[in-house]
All heavy atoms as atom14 arrays in JSON, in Angstrom:
{
  "sequence": "WNSMLRRRSKSSVVCLEWLVADKSLLAQLRNGDFSPVVVLDDNS",
  "atom14_mask": [
    [1, 1, 1, 1, 1, 1, 1, 1, 1, 1, 1, 1, 1, 1],
    [1, 1, 1, 1, 1, 1, 1, 1, 0, 0, 0, 0, 0, 0],
    [1, 1, 1, 1, 1, 1, 0, 0, 0, 0, 0, 0, 0, 0],
    [1, 1, 1, 1, 1, 1, 1, 1, 0, 0, 0, 0, 0, 0],
    [1, 1, 1, 1, 1, 1, 1, 1, 0, 0, 0, 0, 0, 0],
    [1, 1, 1, 1, 1, 1, 1, 1, 1, 1, 1, 0, 0, 0],
    [1, 1, 1, 1, 1, 1, 1, 1, 1, 1, 1, 0, 0, 0],
    [1, 1, 1, 1, 1, 1, 1, 1, 1, 1, 1, 0, 0, 0],
    [1, 1, 1, 1, 1, 1, 0, 0, 0, 0, 0, 0, 0, 0],
    [1, 1, 1, 1, 1, 1, 1, 1, 1, 0, 0, 0, 0, 0],
    [1, 1, 1, 1, 1, 1, 0, 0, 0, 0, 0, 0, 0, 0],
    [1, 1, 1, 1, 1, 1, 0, 0, 0, 0, 0, 0, 0, 0],
    [1, 1, 1, 1, 1, 1, 1, 0, 0, 0, 0, 0, 0, 0],
    [1, 1, 1, 1, 1, 1, 1, 0, 0, 0, 0, 0, 0, 0],
    [1, 1, 1, 1, 1, 1, 0, 0, 0, 0, 0, 0, 0, 0],
    [1, 1, 1, 1, 1, 1, 1, 1, 0, 0, 0, 0, 0, 0],
    [1, 1, 1, 1, 1, 1, 1, 1, 1, 0, 0, 0, 0, 0],
    [1, 1, 1, 1, 1, 1, 1, 1, 1, 1, 1, 1, 1, 1],
    [1, 1, 1, 1, 1, 1, 1, 1, 0, 0, 0, 0, 0, 0],
    [1, 1, 1, 1, 1, 1, 1, 0, 0, 0, 0, 0, 0, 0],
    [1, 1, 1, 1, 1, 0, 0, 0, 0, 0, 0, 0, 0, 0],
    [1, 1, 1, 1, 1, 1, 1, 1, 0, 0, 0, 0, 0, 0],
    [1, 1, 1, 1, 1, 1, 1, 1, 1, 0, 0, 0, 0, 0],
    [1, 1, 1, 1, 1, 1, 0, 0, 0, 0, 0, 0, 0, 0],
    [1, 1, 1, 1, 1, 1, 1, 1, 0, 0, 0, 0, 0, 0],
    [1, 1, 1, 1, 1, 1, 1, 1, 0, 0, 0, 0, 0, 0],
    [1, 1, 1, 1, 1, 0, 0, 0, 0, 0, 0, 0, 0, 0],
    [1, 1, 1, 1, 1, 1, 1, 1, 1, 0, 0, 0, 0, 0],
    [1, 1, 1, 1, 1, 1, 1, 1, 0, 0, 0, 0, 0, 0],
    [1, 1, 1, 1, 1, 1, 1, 1, 1, 1, 1, 0, 0, 0],
    [1, 1, 1, 1, 1, 1, 1, 1, 0, 0, 0, 0, 0, 0],
    [1, 1, 1, 1, 0, 0, 0, 0, 0, 0, 0, 0, 0, 0],
    [1, 1, 1, 1, 1, 1, 1, 1, 0, 0, 0, 0, 0, 0],
    [1, 1, 1, 1, 1, 1, 1, 1, 1, 1, 1, 0, 0, 0],
    [1, 1, 1, 1, 1, 1, 0, 0, 0, 0, 0, 0, 0, 0],
    [1, 1, 1, 1, 1, 1, 1, 0, 0, 0, 0, 0, 0, 0],
    [1, 1, 1, 1, 1, 1, 1, 0, 0, 0, 0, 0, 0, 0],
    [1, 1, 1, 1, 1, 1, 1, 0, 0, 0, 0, 0, 0, 0],
    [1, 1, 1, 1, 1, 1, 1, 0, 0, 0, 0, 0, 0, 0],
    [1, 1, 1, 1, 1, 1, 1, 1, 0, 0, 0, 0, 0, 0],
    [1, 1, 1, 1, 1, 1, 1, 1, 0, 0, 0, 0, 0, 0],
    [1, 1, 1, 1, 1, 1, 1, 1, 0, 0, 0, 0, 0, 0],
    [1, 1, 1, 1, 1, 1, 1, 1, 0, 0, 0, 0, 0, 0],
    [1, 1, 1, 1, 1, 1, 0, 0, 0, 0, 0, 0, 0, 0]
  ],
  "atom14_positions": [
    [[15.14, 118.06, 38.03], [13.99, 118.41, 37.22], [14.55, 119.18, 36.05], [14.82, 120.38, 36.15], [13.0, 119.23, 38.01], [11.69, 119.42, 37.33], [11.12, 118.61, 36.42], [10.76, 120.5, 37.52], [9.9, 119.1, 36.03], [9.66, 120.26, 36.69], [10.77, 121.63, 38.31], [8.57, 121.11, 36.62], [9.69, 122.48, 38.25], [8.6, 122.22, 37.42]],
    [[14.76, 118.49, 34.93], [15.46, 119.13, 33.82], [14.64, 120.26, 33.21], [13.43, 120.35, 33.37], [15.92, 118.1, 32.77], [14.77, 117.49, 31.99], [13.87, 118.18, 31.54], [14.81, 116.18, 31.83], [0.0, 0.0, 0.0], [0.0, 0.0, 0.0], [0.0, 0.0, 0.0], [0.0, 0.0, 0.0], [0.0, 0.0, 0.0], [0.0, 0.0, 0.0]],
    [[15.33, 121.12, 32.5], [14.7, 122.34, 31.97], [13.58, 122.04, 30.98], [12.61, 122.79, 30.9], [15.75, 123.25, 31.34], [16.45, 122.55, 30.35], [0.0, 0.0, 0.0], [0.0, 0.0, 0.0], [0.0, 0.0, 0.0], [0.0, 0.0, 0.0], [0.0, 0.0, 0.0], [0.0, 0.0, 0.0], [0.0, 0.0, 0.0], [0.0, 0.0, 0.0]],
    [[13.68, 120.94, 30.24], [12.61, 120.61, 29.28], [11.31, 120.28, 30.02], [10.25, 120.78, 29.67], [13.01, 119.43, 28.4], [11.95, 119.1, 27.36], [12.33, 117.65, 26.38], [13.88, 118.09, 25.67], [0.0, 0.0, 0.0], [0.0, 0.0, 0.0], [0.0, 0.0, 0.0], [0.0, 0.0, 0.0], [0.0, 0.0, 0.0], [0.0, 0.0, 0.0]],
    [[11.39, 119.46, 31.06], [10.2, 119.15, 31.85], [9.67, 120.39, 32.55], [8.47, 120.6, 32.67], [10.5, 118.07, 32.88], [10.62, 116.65, 32.35], [11.05, 115.71, 33.46], [9.31, 116.18, 31.74], [0.0, 0.0, 0.0], [0.0, 0.0, 0.0], [0.0, 0.0, 0.0], [0.0, 0.0, 0.0], [0.0, 0.0, 0.0], [0.0, 0.0, 0.0]],
    [[10.57, 121.22, 33.02], [10.17, 122.46, 33.7], [9.35, 123.35, 32.75], [8.34, 123.9, 33.15], [11.42, 123.19, 34.18], [11.16, 124.26, 35.19], [12.48, 124.88, 35.63], [13.33, 123.92, 36.29], [13.65, 123.97, 37.58], [13.19, 124.93, 38.33], [14.44, 123.06, 38.11], [0.0, 0.0, 0.0], [0.0, 0.0, 0.0], [0.0, 0.0, 0.0]],
    [[9.79, 123.46, 31.51], [9.07, 124.29, 30.54], [7.72, 123.67, 30.18], [6.75, 124.38, 29.95], [9.9, 124.48, 29.27], [11.0, 125.51, 29.43], [11.61, 125.88, 28.1], [12.24, 124.76, 27.41], [13.5, 124.39, 27.55], [14.29, 125.04, 28.38], [13.98, 123.37, 26.89], [0.0, 0.0, 0.0], [0.0, 0.0, 0.0], [0.0, 0.0, 0.0]],
    [[7.66, 122.34, 30.1], [6.42, 121.67, 29.72], [5.37, 121.69, 30.83], [4.19, 121.56, 30.58], [6.69, 120.22, 29.34], [7.35, 120.08, 28.01], [7.52, 118.62, 27.68], [8.2, 118.46, 26.43], [8.6, 117.3, 25.96], [8.38, 116.2, 26.65], [9.22, 117.23, 24.8], [0.0, 0.0, 0.0], [0.0, 0.0, 0.0], [0.0, 0.0, 0.0]],
    [[5.83, 121.81, 32.06], [4.91, 121.78, 33.19], [4.05, 123.03, 33.2], [4.54, 124.15, 33.2], [5.69, 121.69, 34.5], [4.82, 121.8, 35.58], [0.0, 0.0, 0.0], [0.0, 0.0, 0.0], [0.0, 0.0, 0.0], [0.0, 0.0, 0.0], [0.0, 0.0, 0.0], [0.0, 0.0, 0.0], [0.0, 0.0, 0.0], [0.0, 0.0, 0.0]],
    [[2.76, 122.84, 33.23], [1.83, 123.97, 33.21], [1.28, 124.26, 34.61], [0.59, 125.23, 34.81], [0.66, 123.66, 32.27], [1.09, 123.35, 30.86], [0.96, 124.56, 29.99], [1.12, 124.23, 28.54], [2.47, 124.27, 28.06], [0.0, 0.0, 0.0], [0.0, 0.0, 0.0], [0.0, 0.0, 0.0], [0.0, 0.0, 0.0], [0.0, 0.0, 0.0]],
    [[1.57, 123.38, 35.55], [1.01, 123.57, 36.89], [2.12, 123.54, 37.93], [3.26, 123.23, 37.65], [-0.01, 122.47, 37.2], [0.66, 121.24, 37.37], [0.0, 0.0, 0.0], [0.0, 0.0, 0.0], [0.0, 0.0, 0.0], [0.0, 0.0, 0.0], [0.0, 0.0, 0.0], [0.0, 0.0, 0.0], [0.0, 0.0, 0.0], [0.0, 0.0, 0.0]],
    [[1.74, 123.86, 39.15], [2.71, 123.82, 40.25], [2.81, 122.41, 40.83], [3.63, 122.15, 41.68], [2.32, 124.82, 41.32], [1.05, 124.49, 41.83], [0.0, 0.0, 0.0], [0.0, 0.0, 0.0], [0.0, 0.0, 0.0], [0.0, 0.0, 0.0], [0.0, 0.0, 0.0], [0.0, 0.0, 0.0], [0.0, 0.0, 0.0], [0.0, 0.0, 0.0]],
    [[1.95, 121.5, 40.35], [1.98, 120.12, 40.83], [2.89, 119.32, 39.9], [2.7, 119.3, 38.69], [0.56, 119.51, 40.85], [0.61, 118.07, 41.28], [-0.36, 120.32, 41.75], [0.0, 0.0, 0.0], [0.0, 0.0, 0.0], [0.0, 0.0, 0.0], [0.0, 0.0, 0.0], [0.0, 0.0, 0.0], [0.0, 0.0, 0.0], [0.0, 0.0, 0.0]],
    [[3.88, 118.69, 40.49], [4.84, 117.89, 39.73], [4.82, 116.48, 40.3], [4.86, 116.29, 41.51], [6.26, 118.51, 39.86], [7.29, 117.63, 39.21], [6.27, 119.9, 39.26], [0.0, 0.0, 0.0], [0.0, 0.0, 0.0], [0.0, 0.0, 0.0], [0.0, 0.0, 0.0], [0.0, 0.0, 0.0], [0.0, 0.0, 0.0], [0.0, 0.0, 0.0]],
    [[4.75, 115.5, 39.4], [4.7, 114.12, 39.88], [6.11, 113.6, 40.14], [7.09, 114.06, 39.56], [3.94, 113.23, 38.93], [4.7, 113.02, 37.32], [0.0, 0.0, 0.0], [0.0, 0.0, 0.0], [0.0, 0.0, 0.0], [0.0, 0.0, 0.0], [0.0, 0.0, 0.0], [0.0, 0.0, 0.0], [0.0, 0.0, 0.0], [0.0, 0.0, 0.0]],
    [[6.2, 112.64, 41.03], [7.46, 112.05, 41.44], [8.22, 111.47, 40.26], [9.45, 111.53, 40.2], [7.16, 110.97, 42.48], [8.22, 110.59, 43.49], [8.85, 111.8, 44.15], [7.63, 109.65, 44.52], [0.0, 0.0, 0.0], [0.0, 0.0, 0.0], [0.0, 0.0, 0.0], [0.0, 0.0, 0.0], [0.0, 0.0, 0.0], [0.0, 0.0, 0.0]],
    [[7.5, 110.94, 39.29], [8.11, 110.34, 38.11], [8.97, 111.34, 37.34], [9.95, 110.97, 36.7], [7.01, 109.79, 37.21], [7.5, 109.01, 36.03], [6.36, 108.36, 35.27], [5.19, 108.58, 35.62], [6.67, 107.63, 34.33], [0.0, 0.0, 0.0], [0.0, 0.0, 0.0], [0.0, 0.0, 0.0], [0.0, 0.0, 0.0], [0.0, 0.0, 0.0]],
    [[8.59, 112.62, 37.36], [9.37, 113.64, 36.67], [10.67, 113.97, 37.39], [11.61, 114.48, 36.8], [8.57, 114.92, 36.52], [7.4, 114.82, 35.6], [7.01, 113.75, 34.85], [6.45, 115.84, 35.33], [5.89, 114.04, 34.15], [5.51, 115.33, 34.42], [6.3, 117.14, 35.78], [4.44, 116.06, 33.94], [5.22, 117.88, 35.31], [4.31, 117.34, 34.39]],
    [[10.73, 113.68, 38.68], [11.88, 114.06, 39.5], [12.85, 112.91, 39.75], [14.02, 113.14, 39.97], [11.4, 114.61, 40.85], [10.42, 115.79, 40.78], [9.92, 116.14, 42.16], [11.06, 116.98, 40.1], [0.0, 0.0, 0.0], [0.0, 0.0, 0.0], [0.0, 0.0, 0.0], [0.0, 0.0, 0.0], [0.0, 0.0, 0.0], [0.0, 0.0, 0.0]],
    [[12.35, 111.68, 39.73], [13.17, 110.51, 40.02], [13.25, 109.67, 38.74], [12.29, 108.98, 38.38], [12.58, 109.68, 41.19], [13.43, 108.46, 41.46], [12.46, 110.55, 42.44], [0.0, 0.0, 0.0], [0.0, 0.0, 0.0], [0.0, 0.0, 0.0], [0.0, 0.0, 0.0], [0.0, 0.0, 0.0], [0.0, 0.0, 0.0], [0.0, 0.0, 0.0]],
    [[14.39, 109.72, 38.08], [14.54, 109.04, 36.79], [14.67, 107.52, 36.94], [14.22, 106.78, 36.07], [15.76, 109.59, 36.05], [0.0, 0.0, 0.0], [0.0, 0.0, 0.0], [0.0, 0.0, 0.0], [0.0, 0.0, 0.0], [0.0, 0.0, 0.0], [0.0, 0.0, 0.0], [0.0, 0.0, 0.0], [0.0, 0.0, 0.0], [0.0, 0.0, 0.0]],
    [[15.25, 107.07, 38.03], [15.47, 105.65, 38.26], [14.13, 104.98, 38.59], [13.55, 105.2, 39.66], [16.47, 105.48, 39.41], [16.78, 104.03, 39.73], [15.93, 103.15, 39.51], [17.89, 103.79, 40.24], [0.0, 0.0, 0.0], [0.0, 0.0, 0.0], [0.0, 0.0, 0.0], [0.0, 0.0, 0.0], [0.0, 0.0, 0.0], [0.0, 0.0, 0.0]],
    [[13.63, 104.15, 37.68], [12.3, 103.54, 37.84], [12.22, 102.62, 39.05], [11.19, 102.53, 39.7], [11.9, 102.78, 36.56], [11.83, 103.66, 35.33], [10.85, 104.8, 35.49], [10.82, 105.65, 34.25], [10.36, 106.99, 34.47], [0.0, 0.0, 0.0], [0.0, 0.0, 0.0], [0.0, 0.0, 0.0], [0.0, 0.0, 0.0], [0.0, 0.0, 0.0]],
    [[13.3, 101.92, 39.34], [13.33, 101.05, 40.51], [13.22, 101.86, 41.8], [12.44, 101.53, 42.69], [14.62, 100.22, 40.5], [14.72, 99.48, 41.68], [0.0, 0.0, 0.0], [0.0, 0.0, 0.0], [0.0, 0.0, 0.0], [0.0, 0.0, 0.0], [0.0, 0.0, 0.0], [0.0, 0.0, 0.0], [0.0, 0.0, 0.0], [0.0, 0.0, 0.0]],
    [[14.0, 102.93, 41.89], [13.93, 103.81, 43.05], [12.55, 104.45, 43.17], [11.99, 104.54, 44.26], [15.02, 104.89, 42.97], [15.01, 105.94, 44.09], [15.2, 105.3, 45.45], [16.07, 107.0, 43.82], [0.0, 0.0, 0.0], [0.0, 0.0, 0.0], [0.0, 0.0, 0.0], [0.0, 0.0, 0.0], [0.0, 0.0, 0.0], [0.0, 0.0, 0.0]],
    [[11.99, 104.86, 42.04], [10.66, 105.46, 42.03], [9.62, 104.5, 42.61], [8.82, 104.88, 43.48], [10.28, 105.85, 40.6], [8.9, 106.41, 40.37], [8.72, 107.75, 41.09], [8.64, 106.59, 38.87], [0.0, 0.0, 0.0], [0.0, 0.0, 0.0], [0.0, 0.0, 0.0], [0.0, 0.0, 0.0], [0.0, 0.0, 0.0], [0.0, 0.0, 0.0]],
    [[9.66, 103.25, 42.19], [8.72, 102.25, 42.7], [8.92, 102.03, 44.2], [7.95, 101.93, 44.95], [8.88, 100.94, 41.94], [0.0, 0.0, 0.0], [0.0, 0.0, 0.0], [0.0, 0.0, 0.0], [0.0, 0.0, 0.0], [0.0, 0.0, 0.0], [0.0, 0.0, 0.0], [0.0, 0.0, 0.0], [0.0, 0.0, 0.0], [0.0, 0.0, 0.0]],
    [[10.17, 101.97, 44.63], [10.45, 101.78, 46.05], [9.95, 102.96, 46.88], [9.39, 102.76, 47.97], [11.95, 101.59, 46.28], [12.48, 100.27, 45.76], [13.98, 100.18, 45.93], [14.73, 100.96, 45.35], [14.41, 99.25, 46.77], [0.0, 0.0, 0.0], [0.0, 0.0, 0.0], [0.0, 0.0, 0.0], [0.0, 0.0, 0.0], [0.0, 0.0, 0.0]],
    [[10.14, 104.17, 46.37], [9.64, 105.35, 47.08], [8.12, 105.32, 47.19], [7.55, 105.54, 48.26], [10.09, 106.64, 46.38], [11.55, 107.01, 46.54], [11.94, 108.1, 45.54], [11.84, 107.45, 47.97], [0.0, 0.0, 0.0], [0.0, 0.0, 0.0], [0.0, 0.0, 0.0], [0.0, 0.0, 0.0], [0.0, 0.0, 0.0], [0.0, 0.0, 0.0]],
    [[7.45, 105.04, 46.07], [5.99, 105.01, 46.07], [5.44, 103.92, 46.98], [4.38, 104.09, 47.57], [5.47, 104.82, 44.65], [5.58, 106.08, 43.81], [5.01, 105.87, 42.44], [4.91, 107.12, 41.71], [4.89, 107.2, 40.4], [4.97, 106.11, 39.66], [4.79, 108.38, 39.81], [0.0, 0.0, 0.0], [0.0, 0.0, 0.0], [0.0, 0.0, 0.0]],
    [[6.15, 102.8, 47.09], [5.71, 101.7, 47.96], [6.0, 101.95, 49.43], [5.57, 101.18, 50.28], [6.37, 100.39, 47.54], [5.85, 99.87, 46.24], [4.73, 100.16, 45.84], [6.68, 99.11, 45.55], [0.0, 0.0, 0.0], [0.0, 0.0, 0.0], [0.0, 0.0, 0.0], [0.0, 0.0, 0.0], [0.0, 0.0, 0.0], [0.0, 0.0, 0.0]],
    [[6.77, 102.98, 49.73], [7.12, 103.25, 51.11], [8.21, 102.35, 51.63], [8.27, 102.04, 52.83], [0.0, 0.0, 0.0], [0.0, 0.0, 0.0], [0.0, 0.0, 0.0], [0.0, 0.0, 0.0], [0.0, 0.0, 0.0], [0.0, 0.0, 0.0], [0.0, 0.0, 0.0], [0.0, 0.0, 0.0], [0.0, 0.0, 0.0], [0.0, 0.0, 0.0]],
    [[9.11, 101.91, 50.74], [10.18, 101.0, 51.12], [11.29, 101.66, 51.93], [12.13, 100.96, 52.49], [10.79, 100.34, 49.89], [9.84, 99.38, 49.19], [8.78, 99.06, 49.78], [10.15, 98.97, 48.05], [0.0, 0.0, 0.0], [0.0, 0.0, 0.0], [0.0, 0.0, 0.0], [0.0, 0.0, 0.0], [0.0, 0.0, 0.0], [0.0, 0.0, 0.0]],
    [[11.33, 102.98, 51.99], [12.36, 103.7, 52.74], [11.72, 104.54, 53.83], [10.65, 105.11, 53.64], [13.16, 104.65, 51.83], [13.89, 103.98, 50.72], [13.43, 104.08, 49.42], [15.04, 103.26, 50.97], [14.11, 103.46, 48.38], [15.73, 102.64, 49.93], [15.26, 102.75, 48.64], [0.0, 0.0, 0.0], [0.0, 0.0, 0.0], [0.0, 0.0, 0.0]],
    [[12.4, 104.61, 54.95], [12.02, 105.55, 56.0], [13.19, 105.64, 56.96], [13.67, 104.61, 57.45], [10.76, 105.1, 56.74], [10.34, 106.11, 57.62], [0.0, 0.0, 0.0], [0.0, 0.0, 0.0], [0.0, 0.0, 0.0], [0.0, 0.0, 0.0], [0.0, 0.0, 0.0], [0.0, 0.0, 0.0], [0.0, 0.0, 0.0], [0.0, 0.0, 0.0]],
    [[13.67, 106.84, 57.16], [13.18, 108.1, 56.63], [13.67, 108.38, 55.2], [14.64, 107.8, 54.76], [13.77, 109.13, 57.59], [15.03, 108.49, 58.09], [14.76, 107.02, 58.13], [0.0, 0.0, 0.0], [0.0, 0.0, 0.0], [0.0, 0.0, 0.0], [0.0, 0.0, 0.0], [0.0, 0.0, 0.0], [0.0, 0.0, 0.0], [0.0, 0.0, 0.0]],
    [[12.94, 109.27, 54.53], [13.34, 109.82, 53.25], [13.82, 111.24, 53.56], [13.04, 112.07, 54.0], [12.18, 109.85, 52.23], [12.62, 110.53, 50.94], [11.67, 108.44, 51.96], [0.0, 0.0, 0.0], [0.0, 0.0, 0.0], [0.0, 0.0, 0.0], [0.0, 0.0, 0.0], [0.0, 0.0, 0.0], [0.0, 0.0, 0.0], [0.0, 0.0, 0.0]],
    [[15.11, 111.48, 53.37], [15.7, 112.78, 53.72], [15.89, 113.6, 52.46], [16.53, 113.15, 51.51], [17.05, 112.61, 54.46], [17.65, 113.97, 54.8], [16.87, 111.77, 55.72], [0.0, 0.0, 0.0], [0.0, 0.0, 0.0], [0.0, 0.0, 0.0], [0.0, 0.0, 0.0], [0.0, 0.0, 0.0], [0.0, 0.0, 0.0], [0.0, 0.0, 0.0]],
    [[15.33, 114.8, 52.44], [15.47, 115.72, 51.32], [16.55, 116.74, 51.69], [16.5, 117.35, 52.76], [14.12, 116.44, 51.02], [14.3, 117.48, 49.93], [13.06, 115.4, 50.65], [0.0, 0.0, 0.0], [0.0, 0.0, 0.0], [0.0, 0.0, 0.0], [0.0, 0.0, 0.0], [0.0, 0.0, 0.0], [0.0, 0.0, 0.0], [0.0, 0.0, 0.0]],
    [[17.51, 116.9, 50.79], [18.63, 117.81, 51.0], [18.59, 118.89, 49.94], [18.42, 118.6, 48.76], [19.93, 117.0, 50.9], [21.24, 117.69, 51.15], [22.23, 116.67, 51.69], [21.81, 118.34, 49.93], [0.0, 0.0, 0.0], [0.0, 0.0, 0.0], [0.0, 0.0, 0.0], [0.0, 0.0, 0.0], [0.0, 0.0, 0.0], [0.0, 0.0, 0.0]],
    [[18.72, 120.13, 50.37], [18.7, 121.28, 49.47], [19.77, 122.25, 49.96], [19.88, 122.48, 51.16], [17.31, 121.94, 49.51], [17.24, 123.23, 48.72], [17.44, 123.19, 47.51], [16.98, 124.28, 49.34], [0.0, 0.0, 0.0], [0.0, 0.0, 0.0], [0.0, 0.0, 0.0], [0.0, 0.0, 0.0], [0.0, 0.0, 0.0], [0.0, 0.0, 0.0]],
    [[20.54, 122.83, 49.06], [21.62, 123.71, 49.52], [21.21, 125.17, 49.68], [22.0, 125.97, 50.14], [22.83, 123.6, 48.6], [22.57, 124.09, 47.19], [21.41, 124.31, 46.84], [23.54, 124.24, 46.43], [0.0, 0.0, 0.0], [0.0, 0.0, 0.0], [0.0, 0.0, 0.0], [0.0, 0.0, 0.0], [0.0, 0.0, 0.0], [0.0, 0.0, 0.0]],
    [[19.99, 125.53, 49.34], [19.58, 126.93, 49.4], [18.66, 127.29, 50.55], [18.35, 128.45, 50.73], [18.88, 127.32, 48.09], [19.83, 127.3, 46.92], [21.0, 127.64, 47.05], [19.34, 126.86, 45.78], [0.0, 0.0, 0.0], [0.0, 0.0, 0.0], [0.0, 0.0, 0.0], [0.0, 0.0, 0.0], [0.0, 0.0, 0.0], [0.0, 0.0, 0.0]],
    [[18.22, 126.32, 51.34], [17.23, 126.61, 52.38], [17.63, 125.97, 53.7], [18.14, 124.87, 53.74], [15.86, 126.06, 51.96], [15.5, 126.58, 50.71], [0.0, 0.0, 0.0], [0.0, 0.0, 0.0], [0.0, 0.0, 0.0], [0.0, 0.0, 0.0], [0.0, 0.0, 0.0], [0.0, 0.0, 0.0], [0.0, 0.0, 0.0], [0.0, 0.0, 0.0]]
  ]
}
């Protein structure tokens, strides 16, 4: 989530399109083409 989008965001709700730049991957995620979807974070 690049800093420009972060500054433009006025709410705590962020759409998937802002986080996933690859349009093909975005469509596959929205269609439910993957399971499981594993989220990895190094701080939590």
